[in-house]
N, C-alpha and C. Protein backbone atom coordinates (compact mmCIF):
# COMPACT_ATOMS: atom_id res chain seq x y z
N MET A 1 -6.86 25.71 -13.31
CA MET A 1 -7.29 24.59 -13.58
C MET A 1 -7.20 23.40 -14.68
N ASP A 2 -6.42 22.67 -15.09
CA ASP A 2 -6.78 22.11 -16.24
C ASP A 2 -7.60 21.17 -16.77
N LYS A 3 -7.98 20.31 -17.64
CA LYS A 3 -9.19 19.51 -17.94
C LYS A 3 -8.89 18.53 -17.45
N SER A 4 -7.80 17.83 -16.98
CA SER A 4 -6.84 17.28 -16.72
C SER A 4 -7.53 17.12 -14.86
N ASP A 5 -7.17 18.08 -14.21
CA ASP A 5 -7.87 18.37 -12.76
C ASP A 5 -9.08 18.19 -12.68
N LYS A 6 -10.01 18.58 -13.58
CA LYS A 6 -11.58 18.73 -13.34
C LYS A 6 -11.95 17.22 -13.38
N ASN A 7 -11.61 16.39 -13.95
CA ASN A 7 -11.87 14.87 -14.03
C ASN A 7 -11.63 14.03 -13.03
N ASN A 8 -10.51 14.68 -12.30
CA ASN A 8 -9.74 13.99 -10.78
C ASN A 8 -10.08 14.64 -9.99
N PRO A 9 -10.89 14.08 -8.90
CA PRO A 9 -10.92 14.98 -7.53
C PRO A 9 -9.78 14.71 -6.94
N TRP A 10 -9.72 16.45 -5.85
CA TRP A 10 -8.37 16.77 -4.91
C TRP A 10 -8.67 15.30 -4.32
N TRP A 11 -9.61 14.32 -3.92
CA TRP A 11 -9.11 13.51 -2.73
C TRP A 11 -9.14 12.15 -3.24
N GLY A 12 -8.66 11.87 -4.75
CA GLY A 12 -8.32 10.94 -5.32
C GLY A 12 -7.09 10.13 -4.97
N PRO A 13 -6.24 10.98 -5.26
CA PRO A 13 -4.74 10.24 -4.84
C PRO A 13 -4.93 9.72 -3.07
N GLY A 14 -5.27 10.42 -2.43
CA GLY A 14 -5.29 9.58 -1.24
C GLY A 14 -6.53 8.60 -1.17
N LEU A 15 -7.47 8.30 -1.57
CA LEU A 15 -8.30 7.58 -1.59
C LEU A 15 -7.63 6.18 -2.23
N SER A 16 -6.92 6.60 -3.59
CA SER A 16 -6.17 5.62 -4.17
C SER A 16 -5.01 4.62 -3.40
N VAL A 17 -4.32 5.46 -2.34
CA VAL A 17 -2.42 5.68 -1.51
C VAL A 17 -3.85 4.70 -0.13
N PHE A 18 -4.61 5.11 0.11
CA PHE A 18 -5.67 4.74 1.55
C PHE A 18 -5.89 3.42 1.38
N ALA A 19 -6.43 2.96 -0.44
CA ALA A 19 -7.10 1.98 -0.38
C ALA A 19 -5.55 0.34 -0.76
N GLU A 20 -4.74 0.99 -1.72
CA GLU A 20 -3.57 0.26 -2.09
C GLU A 20 -2.92 -0.80 0.03
N VAL A 21 -2.86 0.50 0.45
CA VAL A 21 -2.14 0.26 2.20
C VAL A 21 -2.89 -0.57 2.44
N THR A 22 -4.03 -0.24 2.99
CA THR A 22 -5.60 -1.40 3.47
C THR A 22 -5.11 -2.83 2.71
N GLY A 23 -4.76 -3.24 1.64
CA GLY A 23 -5.23 -4.13 0.52
C GLY A 23 -3.84 -5.11 1.29
N TRP A 24 -2.57 -3.92 1.03
CA TRP A 24 -1.34 -4.61 1.44
C TRP A 24 -1.79 -5.17 3.17
N ILE A 25 -2.49 -5.11 4.30
CA ILE A 25 -2.18 -5.04 4.75
C ILE A 25 -3.40 -6.40 5.61
N VAL A 26 -4.65 -6.24 4.59
CA VAL A 26 -5.76 -7.13 4.77
C VAL A 26 -5.40 -7.90 4.10
N GLY A 27 -4.63 -8.16 2.57
CA GLY A 27 -4.97 -9.25 2.04
C GLY A 27 -3.79 -10.76 2.77
N PRO A 28 -2.26 -10.10 3.13
CA PRO A 28 -1.66 -11.18 3.46
C PRO A 28 -1.84 -11.60 4.98
N ILE A 29 -2.77 -11.33 5.39
CA ILE A 29 -3.02 -11.21 6.72
C ILE A 29 -4.31 -12.31 6.84
N ILE A 30 -5.03 -12.62 5.95
CA ILE A 30 -6.06 -13.11 5.73
C ILE A 30 -5.49 -14.45 4.78
N LEU A 31 -4.60 -14.77 4.12
CA LEU A 31 -3.73 -15.19 3.89
C LEU A 31 -3.10 -16.67 4.60
N ALA A 32 -2.34 -15.74 5.31
CA ALA A 32 -2.06 -16.14 6.60
C ALA A 32 -3.16 -17.08 7.28
N LEU A 33 -3.77 -16.59 7.55
CA LEU A 33 -5.04 -17.02 8.66
C LEU A 33 -5.58 -18.43 8.41
N TYR A 34 -5.40 -18.18 6.76
CA TYR A 34 -5.84 -19.42 5.85
C TYR A 34 -5.44 -20.76 5.62
N VAL A 35 -4.05 -20.18 5.41
CA VAL A 35 -3.07 -21.58 4.84
C VAL A 35 -2.74 -21.82 6.30
N GLY A 36 -2.37 -20.58 7.16
CA GLY A 36 -1.55 -21.26 8.70
C GLY A 36 -2.98 -22.60 9.35
N ARG A 37 -4.04 -21.91 9.16
CA ARG A 37 -5.13 -22.39 10.11
C ARG A 37 -5.03 -23.96 9.08
N PHE A 38 -4.81 -24.38 7.65
CA PHE A 38 -4.92 -25.14 7.18
C PHE A 38 -4.02 -26.31 7.67
N PHE A 39 -2.71 -25.51 7.37
CA PHE A 39 -1.49 -26.47 7.91
C PHE A 39 -0.98 -26.85 9.40
N ASP A 40 -1.66 -25.84 10.09
CA ASP A 40 -2.51 -26.25 11.70
C ASP A 40 -3.35 -27.92 11.72
N ASN A 41 -4.60 -27.49 10.56
CA ASN A 41 -5.31 -28.84 10.74
C ASN A 41 -4.60 -30.00 10.28
N LYS A 42 -3.89 -29.35 8.95
CA LYS A 42 -3.21 -30.94 8.54
C LYS A 42 -2.30 -31.34 8.91
N TYR A 43 -1.52 -30.94 9.75
CA TYR A 43 -0.14 -31.63 10.42
C TYR A 43 -0.37 -31.95 11.98
N ASP A 44 -1.67 -30.85 12.13
CA ASP A 44 -2.31 -31.09 14.51
C ASP A 44 -0.77 -30.63 14.92
N THR A 45 -0.56 -28.95 14.27
CA THR A 45 0.76 -28.76 15.25
C THR A 45 -0.41 -27.25 15.86
N TYR A 46 -1.18 -26.90 15.68
CA TYR A 46 -1.63 -25.69 16.14
C TYR A 46 -0.56 -25.21 17.48
N PRO A 47 -0.68 -23.87 17.34
CA PRO A 47 -0.88 -22.12 16.43
C PRO A 47 0.54 -22.10 15.68
N TRP A 48 1.56 -23.30 15.36
CA TRP A 48 2.68 -22.71 14.66
C TRP A 48 2.90 -22.18 13.87
N PHE A 49 2.11 -22.49 12.61
CA PHE A 49 2.44 -22.79 11.10
C PHE A 49 0.51 -21.61 11.42
N PHE A 50 0.38 -20.68 11.69
CA PHE A 50 -0.41 -19.72 11.92
C PHE A 50 0.64 -18.74 11.86
N LEU A 51 1.30 -18.56 13.40
CA LEU A 51 1.84 -17.89 14.00
C LEU A 51 3.22 -17.56 13.34
N GLY A 52 3.33 -18.19 11.98
CA GLY A 52 5.11 -18.41 11.53
C GLY A 52 4.07 -17.37 10.35
N PHE A 53 3.30 -18.14 9.78
CA PHE A 53 2.43 -17.42 8.70
C PHE A 53 2.48 -16.21 8.40
N THR A 54 1.67 -15.61 10.26
CA THR A 54 1.21 -13.80 10.22
C THR A 54 2.33 -13.41 10.61
N ALA A 55 3.18 -14.06 10.59
CA ALA A 55 5.04 -13.24 11.11
C ALA A 55 5.33 -12.83 10.12
N VAL A 56 5.45 -14.18 8.81
CA VAL A 56 5.44 -13.79 7.72
C VAL A 56 4.80 -12.28 6.89
N ALA A 57 3.49 -13.09 7.37
CA ALA A 57 2.91 -11.71 6.63
C ALA A 57 2.73 -9.89 7.24
N PHE A 58 3.06 -9.77 8.12
CA PHE A 58 3.99 -9.07 8.96
C PHE A 58 4.74 -8.15 8.29
N PHE A 59 5.55 -9.01 7.83
CA PHE A 59 6.92 -8.37 6.69
C PHE A 59 6.60 -8.64 5.57
N VAL A 60 5.87 -8.90 5.28
CA VAL A 60 5.61 -8.84 4.10
C VAL A 60 4.58 -7.29 3.68
N SER A 61 3.67 -7.20 4.51
CA SER A 61 3.02 -5.81 4.35
C SER A 61 3.26 -5.07 4.72
N ILE A 62 4.71 -5.31 5.95
CA ILE A 62 5.25 -3.75 5.74
C ILE A 62 6.50 -3.42 4.48
N TYR A 63 7.11 -4.14 3.67
CA TYR A 63 7.48 -4.15 2.72
C TYR A 63 6.41 -3.18 1.42
N GLY A 64 5.19 -4.12 1.10
CA GLY A 64 4.22 -3.47 0.17
C GLY A 64 3.93 -1.82 0.87
N ILE A 65 3.85 -1.60 2.18
CA ILE A 65 3.18 -0.38 2.58
C ILE A 65 4.56 0.91 2.37
N ILE A 66 5.80 0.28 2.81
CA ILE A 66 6.80 1.41 2.13
C ILE A 66 7.39 1.54 0.62
N LYS A 67 7.11 0.36 0.16
CA LYS A 67 7.05 0.39 -1.36
C LYS A 67 5.67 1.41 -2.28
N ILE A 68 4.98 1.63 -1.51
CA ILE A 68 3.81 2.14 -1.80
C ILE A 68 4.32 3.80 -1.29
N ALA A 69 4.70 3.52 0.21
CA ALA A 69 5.28 5.42 0.40
C ALA A 69 6.14 5.67 0.01
N ASP A 70 6.81 4.77 -0.66
CA ASP A 70 8.03 5.50 -1.61
C ASP A 70 7.76 6.34 -3.13
N ARG A 71 6.31 5.62 -3.89
CA ARG A 71 6.54 5.65 -4.81
C ARG A 71 5.95 6.72 -5.09
N PHE A 72 4.93 7.17 -3.56
CA PHE A 72 3.58 8.26 -3.24
C PHE A 72 4.12 9.67 -2.72
N ILE A 73 5.69 9.68 -2.33
CA ILE A 73 6.44 10.75 -2.03
C ILE A 73 7.30 10.84 -3.67
N LYS A 74 7.59 10.14 -4.24
CA LYS A 74 8.17 10.17 -5.39
C LYS A 74 7.40 11.42 -6.11
N ALA A 75 5.84 10.51 -6.28
CA ALA A 75 4.70 11.38 -7.69
C ALA A 75 4.76 12.86 -6.76
N ALA A 76 4.42 12.88 -5.54
CA ALA A 76 4.43 13.94 -4.68
C ALA A 76 5.81 15.26 -4.94
N GLU A 77 6.94 14.49 -5.34
CA GLU A 77 7.94 15.49 -4.74
C GLU A 77 7.77 15.99 -6.09
N GLN A 78 7.74 15.13 -7.59
CA GLN A 78 8.31 15.43 -8.74
C GLN A 78 6.40 16.11 -9.07
N GLU A 79 5.67 16.40 -8.45
CA GLU A 79 4.53 17.21 -8.74
C GLU A 79 5.01 18.74 -8.06
N ILE A 80 5.41 18.90 -7.29
CA ILE A 80 5.85 19.92 -6.30
C ILE A 80 7.28 20.94 -7.01
N LYS A 81 7.65 20.11 -7.91
CA LYS A 81 8.79 20.73 -8.70
C LYS A 81 8.39 20.86 -10.20
N ASN A 82 7.57 19.92 -10.30
CA ASN A 82 6.76 20.84 -11.59
C ASN A 82 5.64 22.05 -11.33
N ARG A 83 5.13 21.98 -9.85
CA ARG A 83 4.12 23.46 -9.83
C ARG A 83 5.44 24.42 -9.39
N LYS A 84 6.93 24.49 -9.33
CA LYS A 84 7.97 25.44 -9.35
C LYS A 84 8.12 25.76 -10.49
N ASN A 85 8.78 24.60 -11.58
CA ASN A 85 9.12 25.21 -12.99
C ASN A 85 8.30 26.16 -13.64
N HIS A 86 7.09 25.47 -13.80
CA HIS A 86 5.84 26.17 -14.13
C HIS A 86 5.62 27.83 -13.62
N LYS A 87 5.81 27.62 -11.88
CA LYS A 87 5.20 28.80 -11.68
C LYS A 87 6.84 29.79 -12.65
N ASN A 88 7.66 29.74 -11.92
CA ASN A 88 9.05 29.61 -12.55
C ASN A 88 8.75 30.31 -13.71
N LYS A 89 7.92 29.74 -15.29
CA LYS A 89 8.26 30.36 -16.58
C LYS A 89 7.05 31.63 -16.45
N ASP A 90 6.33 31.05 -15.56
CA ASP A 90 4.80 32.18 -15.51
C ASP A 90 5.15 33.98 -15.16
N SER A 91 6.77 33.89 -14.08
CA SER A 91 7.41 34.87 -13.76
C SER A 91 7.46 35.45 -14.88
């Protein structure tokens, strides 16, 4: 265990991914709720703007989650590769 491992707990990366995914789920939905409600009240079109913005928020959330998952998978693959290389050097 090197010095950087002592400063970063084992659960840190998981918590970071959880927080990012939660943000990508909650953020667009809350924004869609308020913006959709505002436009529905302004143009008296209840519930069409709300539903439209919610659908867009759903796809924005999916895009963000896929982006985070891709980044996390690449980082995990790189860490596995580094550990294998480090193990082979020690042998």
